[in-house]
PDB file of N, CA and C in Angstrom:
ATOM      1  N   UNK A   1     -15.869  18.979 -13.473  1.00  0.00           N
ATOM      2  CA  UNK A   1     -15.055  17.801 -13.265  1.00  0.00           C
ATOM      3  C   UNK A   1     -15.060  16.946 -14.529  1.00  0.00           C
ATOM      4  N   UNK A   2     -13.895  16.565 -14.990  1.00  0.00           N
ATOM      5  CA  UNK A   2     -13.789  15.733 -16.178  1.00  0.00           C
ATOM      6  C   UNK A   2     -14.148  14.286 -15.841  1.00  0.00           C
ATOM      7  N   UNK A   3     -14.652  13.568 -16.833  1.00  0.00           N
ATOM      8  CA  UNK A   3     -15.003  12.170 -16.637  1.00  0.00           C
ATOM      9  C   UNK A   3     -13.718  11.351 -16.601  1.00  0.00           C
ATOM     10  N   UNK A   4     -13.497  10.642 -15.481  1.00  0.00           N
ATOM     11  CA  UNK A   4     -12.302   9.811 -15.347  1.00  0.00           C
ATOM     12  C   UNK A   4     -12.424   8.602 -16.266  1.00  0.00           C
ATOM     13  N   UNK A   5     -11.324   8.152 -16.806  1.00  0.00           N
ATOM     14  CA  UNK A   5     -11.351   7.192 -17.890  1.00  0.00           C
ATOM     15  C   UNK A   5     -11.863   5.806 -17.491  1.00  0.00           C
ATOM     16  N   UNK A   6     -11.250   5.174 -16.506  1.00  0.00           N
ATOM     17  CA  UNK A   6     -11.650   3.815 -16.127  1.00  0.00           C
ATOM     18  C   UNK A   6     -11.903   3.740 -14.631  1.00  0.00           C
ATOM     19  N   UNK A   7     -12.723   4.641 -14.107  1.00  0.00           N
ATOM     20  CA  UNK A   7     -12.999   4.662 -12.674  1.00  0.00           C
ATOM     21  C   UNK A   7     -14.460   5.009 -12.461  1.00  0.00           C
ATOM     22  N   UNK A   8     -15.115   4.262 -11.556  1.00  0.00           N
ATOM     23  CA  UNK A   8     -16.525   4.496 -11.262  1.00  0.00           C
ATOM     24  C   UNK A   8     -16.671   5.772 -10.429  1.00  0.00           C
ATOM     25  N   UNK A   9     -17.657   6.583 -10.780  1.00  0.00           N
ATOM     26  CA  UNK A   9     -17.913   7.844 -10.083  1.00  0.00           C
ATOM     27  C   UNK A   9     -18.410   7.606  -8.666  1.00  0.00           C
ATOM     28  N   UNK A  10     -19.141   6.508  -8.431  1.00  0.00           N
ATOM     29  CA  UNK A  10     -19.776   6.247  -7.143  1.00  0.00           C
ATOM     30  C   UNK A  10     -18.857   5.479  -6.205  1.00  0.00           C
ATOM     31  N   UNK A  11     -18.433   4.283  -6.613  1.00  0.00           N
ATOM     32  CA  UNK A  11     -17.682   3.401  -5.711  1.00  0.00           C
ATOM     33  C   UNK A  11     -16.180   3.466  -5.920  1.00  0.00           C
ATOM     34  N   UNK A  12     -15.710   4.237  -6.893  1.00  0.00           N
ATOM     35  CA  UNK A  12     -14.283   4.428  -7.175  1.00  0.00           C
ATOM     36  C   UNK A  12     -13.604   3.133  -7.625  1.00  0.00           C
ATOM     37  N   UNK A  13     -14.377   2.216  -8.186  1.00  0.00           N
ATOM     38  CA  UNK A  13     -13.800   0.965  -8.708  1.00  0.00           C
ATOM     39  C   UNK A  13     -12.982   1.285  -9.950  1.00  0.00           C
ATOM     40  N   UNK A  14     -11.799   0.676 -10.061  1.00  0.00           N
ATOM     41  CA  UNK A  14     -10.920   0.959 -11.192  1.00  0.00           C
ATOM     42  C   UNK A  14     -10.406  -0.312 -11.837  1.00  0.00           C
ATOM     43  N   UNK A  15      -9.337  -0.164 -12.613  1.00  0.00           N
ATOM     44  CA  UNK A  15      -8.741  -1.260 -13.346  1.00  0.00           C
ATOM     45  C   UNK A  15      -7.969  -2.162 -12.386  1.00  0.00           C
ATOM     46  N   UNK A  16      -8.111  -3.487 -12.568  1.00  0.00           N
ATOM     47  CA  UNK A  16      -7.351  -4.466 -11.780  1.00  0.00           C
ATOM     48  C   UNK A  16      -6.311  -5.105 -12.698  1.00  0.00           C
ATOM     49  N   UNK A  17      -5.157  -5.410 -12.145  1.00  0.00           N
ATOM     50  CA  UNK A  17      -4.065  -5.980 -12.926  1.00  0.00           C
ATOM     51  C   UNK A  17      -3.738  -7.370 -12.429  1.00  0.00           C
ATOM     52  N   UNK A  18      -3.237  -8.208 -13.327  1.00  0.00           N
ATOM     53  CA  UNK A  18      -2.844  -9.552 -12.938  1.00  0.00           C
ATOM     54  C   UNK A  18      -2.181 -10.263 -14.098  1.00  0.00           C
ATOM     55  N   UNK A  19      -2.161 -11.577 -14.022  1.00  0.00           N
ATOM     56  CA  UNK A  19      -1.530 -12.395 -15.047  1.00  0.00           C
ATOM     57  C   UNK A  19      -2.555 -13.259 -15.752  1.00  0.00           C
ATOM     58  N   UNK A  20      -2.354 -13.432 -17.046  1.00  0.00           N
ATOM     59  CA  UNK A  20      -3.090 -14.406 -17.812  1.00  0.00           C
ATOM     60  C   UNK A  20      -2.206 -15.647 -17.845  1.00  0.00           C
ATOM     61  N   UNK A  21      -2.709 -16.778 -17.332  1.00  0.00           N
ATOM     62  CA  UNK A  21      -1.900 -17.987 -17.212  1.00  0.00           C
ATOM     63  C   UNK A  21      -2.407 -19.022 -18.201  1.00  0.00           C
ATOM     64  N   UNK A  22      -1.523 -19.463 -19.118  1.00  0.00           N
ATOM     65  CA  UNK A  22      -1.897 -20.451 -20.125  1.00  0.00           C
ATOM     66  C   UNK A  22      -1.818 -21.863 -19.548  1.00  0.00           C
ATOM     67  N   UNK A  23      -2.230 -22.823 -20.351  1.00  0.00           N
ATOM     68  CA  UNK A  23      -2.171 -24.228 -19.938  1.00  0.00           C
ATOM     69  C   UNK A  23      -0.721 -24.668 -19.712  1.00  0.00           C
ATOM     70  N   UNK A  24       0.201 -24.059 -20.451  1.00  0.00           N
ATOM     71  CA  UNK A  24       1.629 -24.364 -20.297  1.00  0.00           C
ATOM     72  C   UNK A  24       2.264 -23.545 -19.171  1.00  0.00           C
ATOM     73  N   UNK A  25       1.424 -22.839 -18.399  1.00  0.00           N
ATOM     74  CA  UNK A  25       1.857 -22.024 -17.257  1.00  0.00           C
ATOM     75  C   UNK A  25       2.705 -20.824 -17.673  1.00  0.00           C
ATOM     76  N   UNK A  26       2.501 -20.345 -18.926  1.00  0.00           N
ATOM     77  CA  UNK A  26       3.136 -19.096 -19.349  1.00  0.00           C
ATOM     78  C   UNK A  26       2.310 -17.952 -18.790  1.00  0.00           C
ATOM     79  N   UNK A  27       2.980 -16.920 -18.288  1.00  0.00           N
ATOM     80  CA  UNK A  27       2.285 -15.798 -17.665  1.00  0.00           C
ATOM     81  C   UNK A  27       2.521 -14.520 -18.456  1.00  0.00           C
ATOM     82  N   UNK A  28       1.423 -13.849 -18.820  1.00  0.00           N
ATOM     83  CA  UNK A  28       1.501 -12.549 -19.471  1.00  0.00           C
ATOM     84  C   UNK A  28       0.589 -11.595 -18.726  1.00  0.00           C
ATOM     85  N   UNK A  29       0.956 -10.329 -18.679  1.00  0.00           N
ATOM     86  CA  UNK A  29       0.181  -9.340 -17.942  1.00  0.00           C
ATOM     87  C   UNK A  29      -1.134  -9.045 -18.648  1.00  0.00           C
ATOM     88  N   UNK A  30      -2.178  -8.832 -17.863  1.00  0.00           N
ATOM     89  CA  UNK A  30      -3.478  -8.481 -18.408  1.00  0.00           C
ATOM     90  C   UNK A  30      -4.196  -7.555 -17.441  1.00  0.00           C
ATOM     91  N   UNK A  31      -5.300  -6.983 -17.896  1.00  0.00           N
ATOM     92  CA  UNK A  31      -6.085  -6.072 -17.063  1.00  0.00           C
ATOM     93  C   UNK A  31      -7.537  -6.497 -17.064  1.00  0.00           C
ATOM     94  N   UNK A  32      -8.224  -6.175 -15.972  1.00  0.00           N
ATOM     95  CA  UNK A  32      -9.666  -6.335 -15.862  1.00  0.00           C
ATOM     96  C   UNK A  32     -10.249  -4.947 -15.684  1.00  0.00           C
ATOM     97  N   UNK A  33     -11.109  -4.538 -16.597  1.00  0.00           N
ATOM     98  CA  UNK A  33     -11.720  -3.213 -16.511  1.00  0.00           C
ATOM     99  C   UNK A  33     -13.154  -3.335 -16.010  1.00  0.00           C
ATOM    100  N   UNK A  34     -13.588  -2.387 -15.183  1.00  0.00           N
ATOM    101  CA  UNK A  34     -14.980  -2.422 -14.718  1.00  0.00           C
ATOM    102  C   UNK A  34     -15.937  -2.090 -15.866  1.00  0.00           C
ATOM    103  N   UNK A  35     -17.159  -2.592 -15.771  1.00  0.00           N
ATOM    104  CA  UNK A  35     -18.183  -2.350 -16.792  1.00  0.00           C
ATOM    105  C   UNK A  35     -18.793  -0.974 -16.524  1.00  0.00           C
ATOM    106  N   UNK A  36     -18.223   0.047 -17.147  1.00  0.00           N
ATOM    107  CA  UNK A  36     -18.661   1.427 -16.924  1.00  0.00           C
ATOM    108  C   UNK A  36     -19.610   1.878 -18.020  1.00  0.00           C
ATOM    109  N   UNK A  37     -20.617   2.639 -17.610  1.00  0.00           N
ATOM    110  CA  UNK A  37     -21.586   3.219 -18.534  1.00  0.00           C
ATOM    111  C   UNK A  37     -21.679   4.715 -18.242  1.00  0.00           C
ATOM    112  N   UNK A  38     -21.868   5.512 -19.289  1.00  0.00           N
ATOM    113  CA  UNK A  38     -22.062   6.953 -19.106  1.00  0.00           C
ATOM    114  C   UNK A  38     -23.513   7.178 -18.697  1.00  0.00           C
ATOM    115  N   UNK A  39     -23.701   7.868 -17.568  1.00  0.00           N
ATOM    116  CA  UNK A  39     -25.030   8.065 -16.996  1.00  0.00           C
ATOM    117  C   UNK A  39     -25.233   9.555 -16.734  1.00  0.00           C
ATOM    118  N   UNK A  40     -26.424  10.058 -17.087  1.00  0.00           N
ATOM    119  CA  UNK A  40     -26.781  11.432 -16.739  1.00  0.00           C
ATOM    120  C   UNK A  40     -27.367  11.411 -15.336  1.00  0.00           C
ATOM    121  N   UNK A  41     -26.781  12.194 -14.427  1.00  0.00           N
ATOM    122  CA  UNK A  41     -27.207  12.164 -13.037  1.00  0.00           C
ATOM    123  C   UNK A  41     -27.394  13.578 -12.503  1.00  0.00           C
ATOM    124  N   UNK A  42     -28.170  13.677 -11.432  1.00  0.00           N
ATOM    125  CA  UNK A  42     -28.374  14.957 -10.758  1.00  0.00           C
ATOM    126  C   UNK A  42     -27.322  15.128  -9.674  1.00  0.00           C
ATOM    127  N   UNK A  43     -26.611  16.246  -9.710  1.00  0.00           N
ATOM    128  CA  UNK A  43     -25.610  16.543  -8.697  1.00  0.00           C
ATOM    129  C   UNK A  43     -25.747  18.016  -8.324  1.00  0.00           C
ATOM    130  N   UNK A  44     -26.209  18.277  -7.117  1.00  0.00           N
ATOM    131  CA  UNK A  44     -26.408  19.639  -6.606  1.00  0.00           C
ATOM    132  C   UNK A  44     -27.331  20.444  -7.511  1.00  0.00           C
ATOM    133  N   UNK A  45     -28.380  19.817  -7.976  1.00  0.00           N
ATOM    134  CA  UNK A  45     -29.368  20.494  -8.802  1.00  0.00           C
ATOM    135  C   UNK A  45     -29.015  20.614 -10.266  1.00  0.00           C
ATOM    136  N   UNK A  46     -27.837  20.143 -10.667  1.00  0.00           N
ATOM    137  CA  UNK A  46     -27.410  20.216 -12.060  1.00  0.00           C
ATOM    138  C   UNK A  46     -27.313  18.809 -12.631  1.00  0.00           C
ATOM    139  N   UNK A  47     -27.540  18.724 -13.937  1.00  0.00           N
ATOM    140  CA  UNK A  47     -27.418  17.450 -14.629  1.00  0.00           C
ATOM    141  C   UNK A  47     -25.997  17.340 -15.170  1.00  0.00           C
ATOM    142  N   UNK A  48     -25.286  16.277 -14.766  1.00  0.00           N
ATOM    143  CA  UNK A  48     -23.932  16.051 -15.268  1.00  0.00           C
ATOM    144  C   UNK A  48     -23.838  14.626 -15.793  1.00  0.00           C
ATOM    145  N   UNK A  49     -22.875  14.394 -16.688  1.00  0.00           N
ATOM    146  CA  UNK A  49     -22.612  13.061 -17.203  1.00  0.00           C
ATOM    147  C   UNK A  49     -21.443  12.474 -16.429  1.00  0.00           C
ATOM    148  N   UNK A  50     -21.628  11.256 -15.912  1.00  0.00           N
ATOM    149  CA  UNK A  50     -20.568  10.573 -15.180  1.00  0.00           C
ATOM    150  C   UNK A  50     -20.487   9.133 -15.671  1.00  0.00           C
ATOM    151  N   UNK A  51     -19.347   8.488 -15.383  1.00  0.00           N
ATOM    152  CA  UNK A  51     -19.203   7.065 -15.662  1.00  0.00           C
ATOM    153  C   UNK A  51     -19.422   6.309 -14.371  1.00  0.00           C
ATOM    154  N   UNK A  52     -20.371   5.372 -14.388  1.00  0.00           N
ATOM    155  CA  UNK A  52     -20.673   4.562 -13.211  1.00  0.00           C
ATOM    156  C   UNK A  52     -20.683   3.102 -13.618  1.00  0.00           C
ATOM    157  N   UNK A  53     -20.242   2.234 -12.701  1.00  0.00           N
ATOM    158  CA  UNK A  53     -20.247   0.805 -12.996  1.00  0.00           C
ATOM    159  C   UNK A  53     -21.688   0.291 -12.939  1.00  0.00           C
ATOM    160  N   UNK A  54     -21.930  -0.806 -13.620  1.00  0.00           N
ATOM    161  CA  UNK A  54     -23.284  -1.341 -13.718  1.00  0.00           C
ATOM    162  C   UNK A  54     -23.800  -1.834 -12.369  1.00  0.00           C
ATOM    163  N   UNK A  55     -22.913  -2.224 -11.460  1.00  0.00           N
ATOM    164  CA  UNK A  55     -23.338  -2.631 -10.120  1.00  0.00           C
ATOM    165  C   UNK A  55     -23.974  -1.462  -9.376  1.00  0.00           C
ATOM    166  N   UNK A  56     -23.344  -0.288  -9.467  1.00  0.00           N
ATOM    167  CA  UNK A  56     -23.887   0.887  -8.776  1.00  0.00           C
ATOM    168  C   UNK A  56     -25.198   1.343  -9.416  1.00  0.00           C
ATOM    169  N   UNK A  57     -25.292   1.257 -10.736  1.00  0.00           N
ATOM    170  CA  UNK A  57     -26.519   1.654 -11.425  1.00  0.00           C
ATOM    171  C   UNK A  57     -27.669   0.724 -11.030  1.00  0.00           C
ATOM    172  N   UNK A  58     -27.412  -0.586 -11.024  1.00  0.00           N
ATOM    173  CA  UNK A  58     -28.452  -1.559 -10.692  1.00  0.00           C
ATOM    174  C   UNK A  58     -28.859  -1.471  -9.228  1.00  0.00           C
ATOM    175  N   UNK A  59     -27.906  -1.133  -8.346  1.00  0.00           N
ATOM    176  CA  UNK A  59     -28.190  -1.052  -6.915  1.00  0.00           C
ATOM    177  C   UNK A  59     -28.906   0.242  -6.547  1.00  0.00           C
ATOM    178  N   UNK A  60     -29.025   1.164  -7.498  1.00  0.00           N
ATOM    179  CA  UNK A  60     -29.707   2.431  -7.235  1.00  0.00           C
ATOM    180  C   UNK A  60     -28.876   3.415  -6.445  1.00  0.00           C
ATOM    181  N   UNK A  61     -27.559   3.277  -6.497  1.00  0.00           N
ATOM    182  CA  UNK A  61     -26.670   4.185  -5.758  1.00  0.00           C
ATOM    183  C   UNK A  61     -26.505   5.526  -6.456  1.00  0.00           C
ATOM    184  N   UNK A  62     -27.053   5.642  -7.658  1.00  0.00           N
ATOM    185  CA  UNK A  62     -26.933   6.881  -8.424  1.00  0.00           C
ATOM    186  C   UNK A  62     -28.335   7.311  -8.841  1.00  0.00           C
ATOM    187  N   UNK A  63     -28.630   8.610  -8.729  1.00  0.00           N
ATOM    188  CA  UNK A  63     -29.950   9.122  -9.117  1.00  0.00           C
ATOM    189  C   UNK A  63     -29.890   9.576 -10.568  1.00  0.00           C
ATOM    190  N   UNK A  64     -30.650   8.899 -11.420  1.00  0.00           N
ATOM    191  CA  UNK A  64     -30.661   9.222 -12.835  1.00  0.00           C
ATOM    192  C   UNK A  64     -31.412  10.526 -13.059  1.00  0.00           C
ATOM    193  N   UNK A  65     -30.929  11.322 -13.996  1.00  0.00           N
ATOM    194  CA  UNK A  65     -31.583  12.580 -14.329  1.00  0.00           C
ATOM    195  C   UNK A  65     -32.777  12.312 -15.241  1.00  0.00           C
ATOM    196  N   UNK A  66     -33.874  13.036 -15.058  1.00  0.00           N
ATOM    197  CA  UNK A  66     -35.018  12.839 -15.953  1.00  0.00           C
ATOM    198  C   UNK A  66     -34.703  13.324 -17.363  1.00  0.00           C
ATOM    199  N   UNK A  67     -35.380  12.733 -18.330  1.00  0.00           N
ATOM    200  CA  UNK A  67     -35.160  13.111 -19.724  1.00  0.00           C
ATOM    201  C   UNK A  67     -35.650  14.533 -19.968  1.00  0.00           C
ATOM    202  N   UNK A  68     -35.002  15.212 -20.908  1.00  0.00           N
ATOM    203  CA  UNK A  68     -35.440  16.546 -21.306  1.00  0.00           C
ATOM    204  C   UNK A  68     -34.654  17.662 -20.642  1.00  0.00           C
ATOM    205  N   UNK A  69     -33.806  17.329 -19.668  1.00  0.00           N
ATOM    206  CA  UNK A  69     -32.969  18.343 -19.042  1.00  0.00           C
ATOM    207  C   UNK A  69     -31.605  18.336 -19.703  1.00  0.00           C
ATOM    208  N   UNK A  70     -31.013  19.515 -19.877  1.00  0.00           N
ATOM    209  CA  UNK A  70     -29.749  19.651 -20.564  1.00  0.00           C
ATOM    210  C   UNK A  70     -28.600  19.370 -19.601  1.00  0.00           C
ATOM    211  N   UNK A  71     -27.604  18.582 -20.060  1.00  0.00           N
ATOM    212  CA  UNK A  71     -26.444  18.236 -19.241  1.00  0.00           C
ATOM    213  C   UNK A  71     -25.440  19.383 -19.252  1.00  0.00           C
ATOM    214  N   UNK A  72     -24.806  19.617 -18.095  1.00  0.00           N
ATOM    215  CA  UNK A  72     -23.748  20.622 -17.983  1.00  0.00           C
ATOM    216  C   UNK A  72     -22.426  19.937 -18.273  1.00  0.00           C
ATOM    217  N   UNK A  73     -21.625  20.521 -19.158  1.00  0.00           N
ATOM    218  CA  UNK A  73     -20.351  19.884 -19.551  1.00  0.00           C
ATOM    219  C   UNK A  73     -19.297  19.999 -18.499  1.00  0.00           C
TER     220      UNK A  73
END
């Protein structure tokens, strides 16, 4: 499975869209991206690299792979 660009592997959080509103009430489109980090995790006995948001990492929703094991691409 390829690493999805702006989507959390655990909670499926993605990019949010909206408007940036100035003091003069001018509106321009903008995006909010989740804080994603590349994490080595265990999945079905194999070590894989995934992108997970920092909320899921801090909450312990993802099992980190121990150091010294080779990641499967």
